[in-house]
Amino acid sequence: MVNQGTYLPVKTNPRSSSHTADNQEYLHVPPVPITRPQFEIGDIVWAQARGLPSWPGKVVDPSEVGKGTPDVGKRWVMWFGDHTFSQVEVDRLKTLSDGLRTLDDKARKKKYKAKKARIGLEQAISEALEALDMRERLRGRQAVRSKAKKKRIR
């Protein structure tokens, strides 16, 4: 929900110290938009497809899926564990860390109560963390390479 903003009193005549309606007017403070993360191809996410429990996945390029571009407002997600693909609404995507925090909620644990589901989820989380670690290492290498190039240019 977007904050509608507030109105704050502002003195229009700074020399006057009285608080009358003559020397004050109200200034509208613009709302601060609530921003959601923008998920790009390759991002490791925690997502929920309709009718299924939340699960770790990776936002993938439509060419990996072979079914064309996703519907408006959706992203293609490859699910860790079984490596299947689904279109997921952007509103149902979270960062992996936000998703893992929700596992602490006792109500959500009921969805993963079955041993098979719990083991599958543990394996999927492990795979997601490995993919995230690999992605971070690649980013680190790219940063080191770009610094080395800058030094050579100087």
N, C-alpha and C. Protein backbone atom coordinates (compact mmCIF):
# COMPACT_ATOMS: atom_id res chain seq x y z
N MET A 1 0.84 -1.17 0.00
CA MET A 1 0.00 0.00 0.00
C MET A 1 0.89 1.23 0.00
N VAL A 2 0.62 2.16 -0.87
CA VAL A 2 1.43 3.35 -1.00
C VAL A 2 0.97 4.39 0.02
N ASN A 3 1.92 5.01 0.70
CA ASN A 3 1.64 6.06 1.65
C ASN A 3 1.07 7.26 0.88
N GLN A 4 -0.05 7.80 1.32
CA GLN A 4 -0.69 8.92 0.63
C GLN A 4 -0.04 10.26 0.94
N GLY A 5 0.89 10.30 1.89
CA GLY A 5 1.57 11.55 2.22
C GLY A 5 0.85 12.27 3.35
N THR A 6 1.49 13.32 3.85
CA THR A 6 0.92 14.10 4.94
C THR A 6 1.09 15.57 4.62
N TYR A 7 0.46 16.39 5.42
CA TYR A 7 0.59 17.83 5.28
C TYR A 7 1.25 18.36 6.54
N LEU A 8 2.28 19.16 6.37
CA LEU A 8 3.00 19.74 7.50
C LEU A 8 2.86 21.25 7.49
N PRO A 9 2.66 21.85 8.70
CA PRO A 9 2.58 23.32 8.73
C PRO A 9 3.96 23.92 8.48
N VAL A 10 4.01 24.96 7.68
CA VAL A 10 5.25 25.64 7.37
C VAL A 10 5.01 27.14 7.53
N LYS A 11 5.92 27.81 8.24
CA LYS A 11 5.79 29.26 8.40
C LYS A 11 6.10 29.94 7.07
N THR A 12 5.22 30.81 6.65
CA THR A 12 5.48 31.55 5.42
C THR A 12 6.15 32.88 5.71
N ASN A 13 6.05 33.36 6.95
CA ASN A 13 6.69 34.60 7.35
C ASN A 13 7.64 34.27 8.49
N PRO A 14 8.94 33.99 8.20
CA PRO A 14 9.86 33.54 9.23
C PRO A 14 10.12 34.58 10.32
N ARG A 15 9.85 35.85 10.09
CA ARG A 15 10.10 36.90 11.10
C ARG A 15 9.03 36.92 12.19
N SER A 16 7.88 36.40 11.88
CA SER A 16 6.79 36.41 12.84
C SER A 16 6.87 35.16 13.71
N SER A 17 6.65 35.31 15.00
CA SER A 17 6.71 34.16 15.90
C SER A 17 5.33 33.68 16.30
N SER A 18 4.29 34.39 15.94
CA SER A 18 2.94 33.96 16.31
C SER A 18 2.47 32.86 15.37
N HIS A 19 1.59 32.04 15.87
CA HIS A 19 1.08 30.91 15.07
C HIS A 19 -0.35 31.20 14.62
N THR A 20 -0.53 32.17 13.83
CA THR A 20 -1.85 32.49 13.31
C THR A 20 -1.98 31.90 11.92
N ALA A 21 -3.19 31.85 11.46
CA ALA A 21 -3.44 31.32 10.12
C ALA A 21 -2.83 32.20 9.05
N ASP A 22 -2.55 33.48 9.41
CA ASP A 22 -2.01 34.41 8.42
C ASP A 22 -0.57 34.07 8.02
N ASN A 23 0.19 33.52 8.94
CA ASN A 23 1.60 33.29 8.61
C ASN A 23 1.94 31.82 8.44
N GLN A 24 0.96 30.96 8.30
CA GLN A 24 1.23 29.54 8.07
C GLN A 24 0.45 29.05 6.87
N GLU A 25 1.07 28.16 6.16
CA GLU A 25 0.34 27.42 5.14
C GLU A 25 0.81 25.99 5.23
N TYR A 26 0.08 25.09 4.64
CA TYR A 26 0.41 23.69 4.75
C TYR A 26 1.08 23.20 3.48
N LEU A 27 2.17 22.53 3.68
CA LEU A 27 2.97 22.02 2.57
C LEU A 27 2.73 20.52 2.47
N HIS A 28 2.42 20.06 1.29
CA HIS A 28 2.19 18.63 1.07
C HIS A 28 3.53 17.91 0.98
N VAL A 29 3.70 16.89 1.80
CA VAL A 29 4.89 16.06 1.74
C VAL A 29 4.55 14.88 0.85
N PRO A 30 5.27 14.68 -0.26
CA PRO A 30 4.92 13.61 -1.19
C PRO A 30 5.10 12.24 -0.55
N PRO A 31 4.30 11.28 -0.99
CA PRO A 31 4.40 9.93 -0.43
C PRO A 31 5.71 9.26 -0.82
N VAL A 32 6.14 8.36 0.02
CA VAL A 32 7.33 7.56 -0.26
C VAL A 32 6.84 6.24 -0.83
N PRO A 33 7.17 5.96 -2.08
CA PRO A 33 6.68 4.71 -2.67
C PRO A 33 7.35 3.50 -2.04
N ILE A 34 6.58 2.44 -1.90
CA ILE A 34 7.12 1.18 -1.41
C ILE A 34 7.64 0.43 -2.62
N THR A 35 8.92 0.17 -2.63
CA THR A 35 9.51 -0.49 -3.78
C THR A 35 9.75 -1.96 -3.48
N ARG A 36 9.47 -2.78 -4.45
CA ARG A 36 9.74 -4.21 -4.35
C ARG A 36 10.99 -4.49 -5.18
N PRO A 37 11.73 -5.50 -4.80
CA PRO A 37 12.91 -5.82 -5.60
C PRO A 37 12.51 -6.19 -7.03
N GLN A 38 13.33 -5.80 -7.97
CA GLN A 38 13.12 -6.17 -9.36
C GLN A 38 13.98 -7.41 -9.61
N PHE A 39 13.37 -8.50 -9.96
CA PHE A 39 14.10 -9.74 -10.14
C PHE A 39 14.52 -9.90 -11.59
N GLU A 40 15.80 -10.15 -11.76
CA GLU A 40 16.40 -10.29 -13.08
C GLU A 40 16.72 -11.75 -13.35
N ILE A 41 17.01 -12.05 -14.60
CA ILE A 41 17.38 -13.40 -14.98
C ILE A 41 18.64 -13.80 -14.22
N GLY A 42 18.61 -14.98 -13.63
CA GLY A 42 19.73 -15.49 -12.84
C GLY A 42 19.57 -15.29 -11.35
N ASP A 43 18.61 -14.46 -10.93
CA ASP A 43 18.41 -14.23 -9.49
C ASP A 43 17.85 -15.49 -8.82
N ILE A 44 18.38 -15.77 -7.64
CA ILE A 44 17.89 -16.88 -6.83
C ILE A 44 16.76 -16.33 -5.97
N VAL A 45 15.59 -16.97 -6.04
CA VAL A 45 14.39 -16.43 -5.40
C VAL A 45 13.69 -17.49 -4.54
N TRP A 46 12.77 -17.00 -3.76
CA TRP A 46 11.83 -17.85 -3.03
C TRP A 46 10.48 -17.49 -3.61
N ALA A 47 9.78 -18.44 -4.18
CA ALA A 47 8.56 -18.12 -4.92
C ALA A 47 7.46 -19.12 -4.59
N GLN A 48 6.27 -18.75 -5.01
CA GLN A 48 5.13 -19.63 -4.80
C GLN A 48 4.28 -19.66 -6.04
N ALA A 49 4.15 -20.85 -6.61
CA ALA A 49 3.24 -21.04 -7.73
C ALA A 49 1.86 -21.37 -7.14
N ARG A 50 0.84 -21.06 -7.87
CA ARG A 50 -0.52 -21.28 -7.36
C ARG A 50 -0.75 -22.73 -6.95
N GLY A 51 -1.28 -22.87 -5.73
CA GLY A 51 -1.64 -24.19 -5.23
C GLY A 51 -0.49 -25.00 -4.66
N LEU A 52 0.70 -24.43 -4.66
CA LEU A 52 1.87 -25.16 -4.15
C LEU A 52 2.52 -24.37 -3.03
N PRO A 53 3.27 -25.05 -2.15
CA PRO A 53 3.98 -24.31 -1.11
C PRO A 53 5.14 -23.51 -1.71
N SER A 54 5.58 -22.51 -0.98
CA SER A 54 6.72 -21.71 -1.42
C SER A 54 7.94 -22.60 -1.54
N TRP A 55 8.81 -22.25 -2.50
CA TRP A 55 9.95 -23.11 -2.81
C TRP A 55 11.08 -22.27 -3.41
N PRO A 56 12.33 -22.66 -3.22
CA PRO A 56 13.42 -21.90 -3.85
C PRO A 56 13.51 -22.18 -5.35
N GLY A 57 13.86 -21.13 -6.08
CA GLY A 57 13.98 -21.26 -7.53
C GLY A 57 14.93 -20.22 -8.09
N LYS A 58 15.03 -20.21 -9.40
CA LYS A 58 15.92 -19.28 -10.09
C LYS A 58 15.16 -18.68 -11.25
N VAL A 59 15.21 -17.36 -11.38
CA VAL A 59 14.57 -16.68 -12.52
C VAL A 59 15.41 -17.00 -13.75
N VAL A 60 14.75 -17.52 -14.78
CA VAL A 60 15.48 -17.96 -15.97
C VAL A 60 14.99 -17.25 -17.22
N ASP A 61 15.83 -17.27 -18.24
CA ASP A 61 15.52 -16.70 -19.53
C ASP A 61 14.50 -17.60 -20.24
N PRO A 62 13.55 -17.02 -20.95
CA PRO A 62 12.56 -17.83 -21.67
C PRO A 62 13.19 -18.85 -22.63
N SER A 63 14.38 -18.55 -23.14
CA SER A 63 15.02 -19.49 -24.07
C SER A 63 15.39 -20.81 -23.38
N GLU A 64 15.62 -20.76 -22.06
CA GLU A 64 15.91 -22.00 -21.31
C GLU A 64 14.67 -22.87 -21.18
N VAL A 65 13.51 -22.23 -21.18
CA VAL A 65 12.25 -22.94 -21.00
C VAL A 65 11.76 -23.52 -22.31
N GLY A 66 11.96 -22.78 -23.38
CA GLY A 66 11.52 -23.23 -24.70
C GLY A 66 10.04 -23.01 -24.94
N LYS A 67 9.41 -22.15 -24.14
CA LYS A 67 7.98 -21.91 -24.31
C LYS A 67 7.65 -20.45 -24.57
N GLY A 68 8.63 -19.64 -24.89
CA GLY A 68 8.37 -18.23 -25.20
C GLY A 68 8.37 -17.35 -23.97
N THR A 69 8.02 -16.10 -24.21
CA THR A 69 8.06 -15.11 -23.13
C THR A 69 6.93 -15.38 -22.13
N PRO A 70 7.17 -15.03 -20.85
CA PRO A 70 6.11 -15.25 -19.86
C PRO A 70 4.98 -14.23 -20.05
N ASP A 71 3.84 -14.52 -19.44
CA ASP A 71 2.71 -13.60 -19.48
C ASP A 71 3.09 -12.30 -18.79
N VAL A 72 2.34 -11.25 -19.05
CA VAL A 72 2.60 -9.94 -18.45
C VAL A 72 2.54 -10.05 -16.92
N GLY A 73 3.55 -9.47 -16.27
CA GLY A 73 3.60 -9.49 -14.80
C GLY A 73 4.11 -10.79 -14.20
N LYS A 74 4.68 -11.66 -15.05
CA LYS A 74 5.19 -12.94 -14.56
C LYS A 74 6.63 -13.14 -15.01
N ARG A 75 7.32 -14.06 -14.35
CA ARG A 75 8.69 -14.46 -14.70
C ARG A 75 8.73 -15.98 -14.77
N TRP A 76 9.62 -16.49 -15.61
CA TRP A 76 9.86 -17.93 -15.63
C TRP A 76 10.78 -18.28 -14.47
N VAL A 77 10.42 -19.30 -13.72
CA VAL A 77 11.22 -19.76 -12.58
C VAL A 77 11.52 -21.23 -12.77
N MET A 78 12.80 -21.59 -12.58
CA MET A 78 13.20 -22.99 -12.54
C MET A 78 13.28 -23.37 -11.07
N TRP A 79 12.56 -24.41 -10.68
CA TRP A 79 12.49 -24.83 -9.29
C TRP A 79 13.69 -25.71 -8.95
N PHE A 80 14.36 -25.39 -7.85
CA PHE A 80 15.45 -26.24 -7.39
C PHE A 80 14.86 -27.54 -6.86
N GLY A 81 15.58 -28.61 -7.07
CA GLY A 81 15.11 -29.93 -6.66
C GLY A 81 14.72 -30.74 -7.88
N ASP A 82 13.60 -30.38 -8.51
CA ASP A 82 13.14 -31.15 -9.67
C ASP A 82 13.44 -30.46 -10.99
N HIS A 83 13.89 -29.22 -10.97
CA HIS A 83 14.32 -28.46 -12.15
C HIS A 83 13.21 -28.31 -13.19
N THR A 84 11.97 -28.23 -12.72
CA THR A 84 10.85 -27.93 -13.61
C THR A 84 10.69 -26.42 -13.70
N PHE A 85 9.86 -25.96 -14.64
CA PHE A 85 9.67 -24.54 -14.87
C PHE A 85 8.21 -24.16 -14.66
N SER A 86 8.00 -22.95 -14.16
CA SER A 86 6.65 -22.39 -14.01
C SER A 86 6.71 -20.89 -14.23
N GLN A 87 5.58 -20.35 -14.68
CA GLN A 87 5.44 -18.90 -14.71
C GLN A 87 4.93 -18.49 -13.33
N VAL A 88 5.60 -17.50 -12.74
CA VAL A 88 5.21 -17.05 -11.40
C VAL A 88 4.98 -15.55 -11.44
N GLU A 89 3.90 -15.12 -10.80
CA GLU A 89 3.61 -13.69 -10.72
C GLU A 89 4.72 -13.00 -9.94
N VAL A 90 5.11 -11.82 -10.40
CA VAL A 90 6.19 -11.07 -9.77
C VAL A 90 5.88 -10.80 -8.30
N ASP A 91 4.61 -10.59 -7.96
CA ASP A 91 4.22 -10.35 -6.57
C ASP A 91 4.48 -11.54 -5.67
N ARG A 92 4.64 -12.72 -6.25
CA ARG A 92 4.86 -13.93 -5.45
C ARG A 92 6.35 -14.30 -5.37
N LEU A 93 7.21 -13.41 -5.82
CA LEU A 93 8.66 -13.62 -5.74
C LEU A 93 9.22 -12.87 -4.54
N LYS A 94 10.12 -13.52 -3.83
CA LYS A 94 10.85 -12.89 -2.72
C LYS A 94 12.32 -13.22 -2.88
N THR A 95 13.15 -12.49 -2.16
CA THR A 95 14.56 -12.87 -2.13
C THR A 95 14.66 -14.18 -1.37
N LEU A 96 15.72 -14.91 -1.60
CA LEU A 96 15.91 -16.19 -0.92
C LEU A 96 15.97 -15.98 0.59
N SER A 97 16.66 -14.94 1.04
CA SER A 97 16.78 -14.71 2.48
C SER A 97 15.41 -14.40 3.10
N ASP A 98 14.57 -13.63 2.42
CA ASP A 98 13.23 -13.35 2.94
C ASP A 98 12.40 -14.64 3.02
N GLY A 99 12.54 -15.48 2.02
CA GLY A 99 11.81 -16.74 2.01
C GLY A 99 12.24 -17.67 3.12
N LEU A 100 13.54 -17.73 3.36
CA LEU A 100 14.03 -18.60 4.43
C LEU A 100 13.55 -18.11 5.80
N ARG A 101 13.41 -16.80 5.96
CA ARG A 101 12.89 -16.26 7.22
C ARG A 101 11.47 -16.72 7.47
N THR A 102 10.68 -16.88 6.42
CA THR A 102 9.28 -17.28 6.60
C THR A 102 9.17 -18.73 7.06
N LEU A 103 10.21 -19.52 6.88
CA LEU A 103 10.16 -20.91 7.34
C LEU A 103 10.08 -20.99 8.86
N ASP A 104 10.50 -19.95 9.54
CA ASP A 104 10.42 -19.95 11.00
C ASP A 104 8.99 -19.83 11.50
N ASP A 105 8.09 -19.41 10.64
CA ASP A 105 6.69 -19.28 11.01
C ASP A 105 6.08 -20.68 11.17
N LYS A 106 5.58 -20.98 12.34
CA LYS A 106 5.05 -22.32 12.62
C LYS A 106 3.91 -22.70 11.69
N ALA A 107 3.08 -21.75 11.31
CA ALA A 107 1.95 -22.05 10.43
C ALA A 107 2.44 -22.55 9.07
N ARG A 108 3.55 -21.99 8.59
CA ARG A 108 4.08 -22.40 7.29
C ARG A 108 4.75 -23.76 7.37
N LYS A 109 5.27 -24.12 8.52
CA LYS A 109 5.94 -25.42 8.65
C LYS A 109 4.98 -26.57 8.39
N LYS A 110 3.70 -26.37 8.65
CA LYS A 110 2.71 -27.43 8.43
C LYS A 110 2.70 -27.88 6.98
N LYS A 111 2.97 -26.96 6.05
CA LYS A 111 2.97 -27.31 4.63
C LYS A 111 4.08 -28.31 4.30
N TYR A 112 5.14 -28.31 5.10
CA TYR A 112 6.29 -29.16 4.83
C TYR A 112 6.41 -30.27 5.87
N LYS A 113 5.30 -30.63 6.49
CA LYS A 113 5.34 -31.59 7.59
C LYS A 113 5.69 -33.01 7.11
N ALA A 114 5.23 -33.37 5.94
CA ALA A 114 5.52 -34.70 5.42
C ALA A 114 7.03 -34.85 5.22
N LYS A 115 7.55 -35.99 5.63
CA LYS A 115 9.00 -36.21 5.58
C LYS A 115 9.56 -36.03 4.17
N LYS A 116 8.86 -36.56 3.17
CA LYS A 116 9.33 -36.47 1.79
C LYS A 116 9.41 -35.00 1.34
N ALA A 117 8.39 -34.22 1.68
CA ALA A 117 8.39 -32.80 1.31
C ALA A 117 9.50 -32.06 2.03
N ARG A 118 9.71 -32.38 3.30
CA ARG A 118 10.74 -31.70 4.10
C ARG A 118 12.14 -32.01 3.56
N ILE A 119 12.38 -33.29 3.22
CA ILE A 119 13.68 -33.68 2.66
C ILE A 119 13.89 -33.01 1.30
N GLY A 120 12.85 -32.98 0.47
CA GLY A 120 12.94 -32.33 -0.83
C GLY A 120 13.22 -30.84 -0.69
N LEU A 121 12.59 -30.23 0.30
CA LEU A 121 12.81 -28.80 0.53
C LEU A 121 14.23 -28.55 1.01
N GLU A 122 14.73 -29.39 1.91
CA GLU A 122 16.10 -29.23 2.40
C GLU A 122 17.10 -29.35 1.26
N GLN A 123 16.89 -30.32 0.36
CA GLN A 123 17.78 -30.49 -0.78
C GLN A 123 17.68 -29.29 -1.73
N ALA A 124 16.47 -28.79 -1.95
CA ALA A 124 16.29 -27.64 -2.83
C ALA A 124 16.96 -26.39 -2.24
N ILE A 125 16.84 -26.20 -0.93
CA ILE A 125 17.48 -25.06 -0.28
C ILE A 125 18.99 -25.17 -0.41
N SER A 126 19.52 -26.37 -0.19
CA SER A 126 20.96 -26.59 -0.32
C SER A 126 21.43 -26.25 -1.74
N GLU A 127 20.69 -26.70 -2.72
CA GLU A 127 21.03 -26.42 -4.13
C GLU A 127 20.95 -24.92 -4.41
N ALA A 128 19.94 -24.25 -3.86
CA ALA A 128 19.79 -22.80 -4.06
C ALA A 128 20.95 -22.04 -3.43
N LEU A 129 21.34 -22.45 -2.24
CA LEU A 129 22.47 -21.78 -1.57
C LEU A 129 23.77 -21.98 -2.34
N GLU A 130 23.97 -23.16 -2.91
CA GLU A 130 25.15 -23.41 -3.74
C GLU A 130 25.14 -22.52 -4.98
N ALA A 131 23.98 -22.40 -5.62
CA ALA A 131 23.86 -21.56 -6.81
C ALA A 131 24.11 -20.10 -6.46
N LEU A 132 23.60 -19.67 -5.31
CA LEU A 132 23.81 -18.29 -4.86
C LEU A 132 25.29 -18.04 -4.58
N ASP A 133 25.94 -19.00 -3.93
CA ASP A 133 27.37 -18.88 -3.63
C ASP A 133 28.18 -18.78 -4.93
N MET A 134 27.86 -19.63 -5.90
CA MET A 134 28.57 -19.62 -7.18
C MET A 134 28.36 -18.28 -7.89
N ARG A 135 27.14 -17.76 -7.85
CA ARG A 135 26.86 -16.48 -8.49
C ARG A 135 27.65 -15.35 -7.83
N GLU A 136 27.73 -15.36 -6.51
CA GLU A 136 28.48 -14.33 -5.80
C GLU A 136 29.98 -14.41 -6.10
N ARG A 137 30.50 -15.64 -6.21
CA ARG A 137 31.92 -15.80 -6.55
C ARG A 137 32.20 -15.26 -7.95
N LEU A 138 31.29 -15.52 -8.89
CA LEU A 138 31.46 -15.00 -10.26
C LEU A 138 31.43 -13.48 -10.27
N ARG A 139 30.53 -12.90 -9.49
CA ARG A 139 30.47 -11.43 -9.41
C ARG A 139 31.76 -10.87 -8.83
N GLY A 140 32.30 -11.55 -7.82
CA GLY A 140 33.56 -11.12 -7.21
C GLY A 140 34.70 -11.17 -8.21
N ARG A 141 34.75 -12.21 -9.01
CA ARG A 141 35.81 -12.32 -10.03
C ARG A 141 35.68 -11.22 -11.07
N GLN A 142 34.45 -10.93 -11.48
CA GLN A 142 34.24 -9.88 -12.47
C GLN A 142 34.67 -8.53 -11.91
N ALA A 143 34.42 -8.28 -10.63
CA ALA A 143 34.82 -7.02 -10.01
C ALA A 143 36.34 -6.90 -9.96
N VAL A 144 37.02 -8.01 -9.65
CA VAL A 144 38.49 -8.00 -9.60
C VAL A 144 39.04 -7.74 -11.00
N ARG A 145 38.46 -8.36 -12.01
CA ARG A 145 38.93 -8.16 -13.39
C ARG A 145 38.76 -6.71 -13.83
N SER A 146 37.61 -6.11 -13.49
CA SER A 146 37.39 -4.73 -13.92
C SER A 146 38.34 -3.78 -13.20
N LYS A 147 38.70 -4.06 -11.93
CA LYS A 147 39.68 -3.24 -11.22
C LYS A 147 41.06 -3.37 -11.86
N ALA A 148 41.41 -4.59 -12.27
CA ALA A 148 42.71 -4.82 -12.91
C ALA A 148 42.79 -4.07 -14.24
N LYS A 149 41.71 -4.05 -14.99
CA LYS A 149 41.69 -3.34 -16.26
C LYS A 149 41.86 -1.85 -16.03
N LYS A 150 41.22 -1.30 -15.00
CA LYS A 150 41.34 0.12 -14.71
C LYS A 150 42.77 0.47 -14.35
N LYS A 151 43.46 -0.40 -13.60
CA LYS A 151 44.85 -0.14 -13.22
C LYS A 151 45.75 -0.13 -14.45
N ARG A 152 45.50 -1.05 -15.40
CA ARG A 152 46.31 -1.11 -16.61
C ARG A 152 46.11 0.11 -17.49
N ILE A 153 44.90 0.65 -17.50
CA ILE A 153 44.59 1.80 -18.32
C ILE A 153 45.34 3.02 -17.82
N ARG A 154 45.48 3.18 -16.52
CA ARG A 154 46.14 4.34 -15.94
C ARG A 154 47.56 4.31 -16.29
